[in-house]
N, C-alpha and C. Protein backbone atom coordinates (compact mmCIF):
# COMPACT_ATOMS: atom_id res chain seq x y z
N UNK A 1 116.05 68.93 134.77
CA UNK A 1 115.73 69.90 135.12
C UNK A 1 115.55 71.19 134.24
N UNK A 2 113.95 71.63 133.94
CA UNK A 2 113.78 72.72 133.30
C UNK A 2 113.04 74.14 133.78
N UNK A 3 113.81 75.24 133.46
CA UNK A 3 113.53 76.15 134.15
C UNK A 3 113.14 77.41 132.96
N UNK A 4 111.58 78.14 133.62
CA UNK A 4 111.47 78.93 132.46
C UNK A 4 111.13 80.15 133.54
N UNK A 5 111.45 81.45 133.27
CA UNK A 5 111.17 82.53 133.78
C UNK A 5 110.14 83.31 133.44
N UNK A 6 109.18 83.70 133.76
CA UNK A 6 108.36 84.76 133.18
C UNK A 6 108.74 86.22 133.13
N UNK A 7 109.55 86.31 132.02
CA UNK A 7 110.57 87.80 132.06
C UNK A 7 109.39 88.82 131.86
N UNK A 8 107.96 88.69 131.67
CA UNK A 8 107.17 89.78 131.88
C UNK A 8 106.48 90.40 133.28
N UNK A 9 106.92 89.15 134.00
CA UNK A 9 106.53 89.27 135.86
C UNK A 9 108.27 89.77 136.27
N UNK A 10 109.00 88.86 135.99
CA UNK A 10 110.23 89.86 136.44
C UNK A 10 110.68 91.12 136.66
N UNK A 11 110.45 91.67 137.73
CA UNK A 11 110.83 93.04 137.80
C UNK A 11 112.33 93.13 138.68
N UNK A 12 113.35 92.14 138.06
CA UNK A 12 114.70 92.19 138.63
C UNK A 12 115.23 92.30 139.89
N UNK A 13 114.60 91.85 141.15
CA UNK A 13 115.10 92.25 142.63
C UNK A 13 116.09 91.03 143.18
N UNK A 14 116.32 90.09 141.91
CA UNK A 14 117.52 89.65 142.32
C UNK A 14 117.86 88.66 143.42
N UNK A 15 116.91 88.59 144.09
CA UNK A 15 116.34 87.12 145.18
C UNK A 15 116.86 86.12 144.42
N UNK A 16 116.83 85.98 143.15
CA UNK A 16 117.10 84.50 142.61
C UNK A 16 118.89 84.48 142.47
N UNK A 17 119.34 85.22 142.14
CA UNK A 17 120.68 85.36 141.80
C UNK A 17 121.41 85.14 143.05
N UNK A 18 120.95 86.02 144.33
CA UNK A 18 121.76 85.14 145.63
C UNK A 18 121.23 84.06 145.97
N UNK A 19 120.51 83.42 145.95
CA UNK A 19 120.32 81.76 146.40
C UNK A 19 120.50 80.70 145.46
N UNK A 20 120.93 81.19 144.05
CA UNK A 20 121.23 79.94 142.72
C UNK A 20 121.86 81.14 142.26
N UNK A 21 123.34 81.45 142.23
CA UNK A 21 124.31 81.72 141.54
C UNK A 21 124.46 81.37 140.46
N UNK A 22 124.05 80.09 140.10
CA UNK A 22 124.97 79.37 139.12
C UNK A 22 123.63 79.15 138.36
N UNK A 23 122.34 79.18 138.49
CA UNK A 23 121.42 79.02 137.76
C UNK A 23 121.15 80.53 137.55
N UNK A 24 120.92 81.54 138.11
CA UNK A 24 120.51 82.55 137.83
C UNK A 24 121.57 84.03 137.84
N UNK A 25 121.55 84.83 137.42
CA UNK A 25 121.97 85.64 137.58
C UNK A 25 122.02 86.99 136.81
N UNK A 26 122.43 88.33 137.57
CA UNK A 26 121.96 89.54 136.80
C UNK A 26 123.08 90.22 136.04
N UNK A 27 122.07 90.57 134.91
CA UNK A 27 122.96 91.16 133.84
C UNK A 27 122.71 92.92 133.85
N UNK A 28 123.91 93.54 134.62
CA UNK A 28 123.23 94.93 134.87
C UNK A 28 122.35 94.87 136.09
N UNK A 29 121.20 96.17 136.44
CA UNK A 29 120.42 96.45 137.39
C UNK A 29 119.20 95.46 137.32
N UNK A 30 118.61 95.47 135.93
CA UNK A 30 117.30 95.02 136.01
C UNK A 30 117.47 93.62 134.97
N UNK A 31 118.38 93.35 133.88
CA UNK A 31 118.31 91.80 133.34
C UNK A 31 118.53 90.83 133.65
N UNK A 32 117.89 90.25 134.06
CA UNK A 32 117.82 88.45 134.81
C UNK A 32 118.57 87.59 133.39
N UNK A 33 119.78 86.59 133.54
CA UNK A 33 119.80 86.09 133.09
C UNK A 33 119.96 84.68 133.81
N UNK A 34 119.33 83.19 132.88
CA UNK A 34 119.52 82.24 133.39
C UNK A 34 119.95 81.00 132.95
N UNK A 35 120.23 80.06 133.73
CA UNK A 35 120.23 78.78 132.80
C UNK A 35 118.66 77.70 132.31
N UNK A 36 118.42 77.74 131.58
CA UNK A 36 116.89 76.66 131.05
C UNK A 36 117.11 75.37 131.50
N UNK A 37 118.18 74.93 131.88
CA UNK A 37 118.63 73.46 132.18
C UNK A 37 119.43 73.23 133.28
N UNK A 38 119.43 74.04 134.65
CA UNK A 38 120.33 73.70 135.28
C UNK A 38 120.40 71.84 136.16
N UNK A 39 121.85 71.93 136.57
CA UNK A 39 122.03 70.63 137.34
C UNK A 39 120.86 70.11 138.04
N UNK A 40 120.63 68.87 137.56
CA UNK A 40 119.44 67.99 139.15
C UNK A 40 119.91 68.38 139.98
N UNK A 41 121.11 68.16 140.37
CA UNK A 41 121.71 68.84 141.90
C UNK A 41 121.35 69.77 142.29
N UNK A 42 121.18 71.08 141.80
CA UNK A 42 121.14 72.34 141.96
C UNK A 42 119.26 72.56 142.43
N UNK A 43 118.82 71.49 142.17
CA UNK A 43 117.19 71.78 142.31
C UNK A 43 116.65 72.03 143.34
N UNK A 44 117.51 71.78 144.46
CA UNK A 44 116.23 72.15 145.69
C UNK A 44 117.24 73.76 145.74
N UNK A 45 118.15 74.21 145.33
CA UNK A 45 118.26 75.58 145.26
C UNK A 45 117.95 76.54 144.46
N UNK A 46 117.46 76.02 143.04
CA UNK A 46 116.23 76.74 142.50
C UNK A 46 114.83 76.63 142.89
N UNK A 47 114.56 75.47 143.54
CA UNK A 47 113.17 76.13 144.14
C UNK A 47 113.51 77.08 145.57
N UNK A 48 114.09 77.28 146.10
CA UNK A 48 114.21 77.96 147.02
C UNK A 48 114.44 79.18 146.39
N UNK A 49 115.25 80.06 145.36
CA UNK A 49 115.29 80.41 145.12
C UNK A 49 113.96 81.08 144.04
N UNK A 50 112.99 80.01 143.34
CA UNK A 50 111.90 80.45 142.66
C UNK A 50 110.87 80.91 143.89
N UNK A 51 110.90 80.25 145.09
CA UNK A 51 110.14 80.44 145.90
C UNK A 51 110.13 81.76 146.49
N UNK A 52 111.61 82.19 146.28
CA UNK A 52 111.75 83.79 147.05
C UNK A 52 111.45 85.08 146.31
N UNK A 53 111.20 84.38 145.12
CA UNK A 53 110.70 85.93 143.80
C UNK A 53 109.70 86.13 144.58
N UNK A 54 109.78 87.79 144.96
CA UNK A 54 108.75 88.60 145.55
C UNK A 54 107.39 88.93 144.52
N UNK A 55 107.90 88.70 143.00
CA UNK A 55 106.41 88.44 142.09
C UNK A 55 106.04 87.06 141.38
N UNK A 56 106.81 85.92 141.92
CA UNK A 56 106.42 84.70 141.75
C UNK A 56 106.60 84.61 140.13
N UNK A 57 107.72 84.93 139.15
CA UNK A 57 108.16 84.87 138.38
C UNK A 57 108.37 83.28 137.45
N UNK A 58 108.69 82.26 138.53
CA UNK A 58 109.04 81.11 138.30
C UNK A 58 107.91 80.12 138.45
N UNK A 59 106.92 79.57 137.46
CA UNK A 59 105.83 78.62 138.40
C UNK A 59 106.65 77.47 138.40
N UNK A 60 107.00 77.45 140.00
CA UNK A 60 107.47 76.16 140.67
C UNK A 60 106.82 75.09 140.62
N UNK A 61 105.07 75.44 140.58
CA UNK A 61 103.77 74.46 140.56
C UNK A 61 104.83 73.17 139.16
N UNK A 62 104.91 73.81 138.09
CA UNK A 62 105.41 73.33 136.95
C UNK A 62 107.02 72.56 136.85
N UNK A 63 107.93 73.20 137.59
CA UNK A 63 109.02 72.73 138.19
C UNK A 63 108.83 71.22 138.79
N UNK A 64 107.85 71.21 140.18
CA UNK A 64 107.52 70.06 141.07
C UNK A 64 107.11 69.16 139.49
N UNK A 65 106.41 69.70 138.84
CA UNK A 65 105.20 68.23 138.48
C UNK A 65 106.23 67.56 137.36
N UNK A 66 107.39 68.15 137.03
CA UNK A 66 108.10 67.34 135.78
C UNK A 66 108.74 66.32 136.66
N UNK A 67 108.87 66.51 137.94
CA UNK A 67 109.68 65.36 138.73
C UNK A 67 108.86 64.65 139.53
N UNK A 68 107.68 64.82 139.49
CA UNK A 68 106.40 64.43 140.22
C UNK A 68 106.37 62.56 140.18
N UNK A 69 105.88 61.87 140.84
CA UNK A 69 106.25 60.26 140.53
C UNK A 69 104.90 60.07 139.78
N UNK A 70 104.52 59.56 138.76
CA UNK A 70 103.55 59.08 138.14
C UNK A 70 102.39 57.78 138.29
N UNK A 71 101.56 58.02 138.72
CA UNK A 71 100.65 56.78 138.95
C UNK A 71 100.60 55.84 137.76
N UNK A 72 100.32 54.79 137.89
CA UNK A 72 100.18 53.53 137.42
C UNK A 72 98.98 53.27 136.97
N UNK A 73 98.30 53.45 135.50
CA UNK A 73 96.62 53.02 135.08
C UNK A 73 96.42 51.87 135.39
N UNK A 74 95.30 51.74 135.70
CA UNK A 74 94.46 50.43 136.42
C UNK A 74 94.46 49.34 134.95
C-alpha cells in the first residue's frame, strides 16, 4: 500500500493520527509525519483515517485504485 498526503492541503487536525497511529503521527501541533508504505494489514485503518480528514488531504480514490481488480482485455 502506498500513501501520499497532500501537505499543501493538510491543516494538522490530527484525525488521521488518532485513527491510524502506526501510519500517521503528529510532530508538534502542526507537522504531520506519515509512513508512505504502511503494511497492507493496516489498509482499513488507513482508509478510515483518510476519510476522516476534514480537508481530504489523502486522495482515497488513488489508494483504492491501486488495489482494484483489473479487467481482462478482450
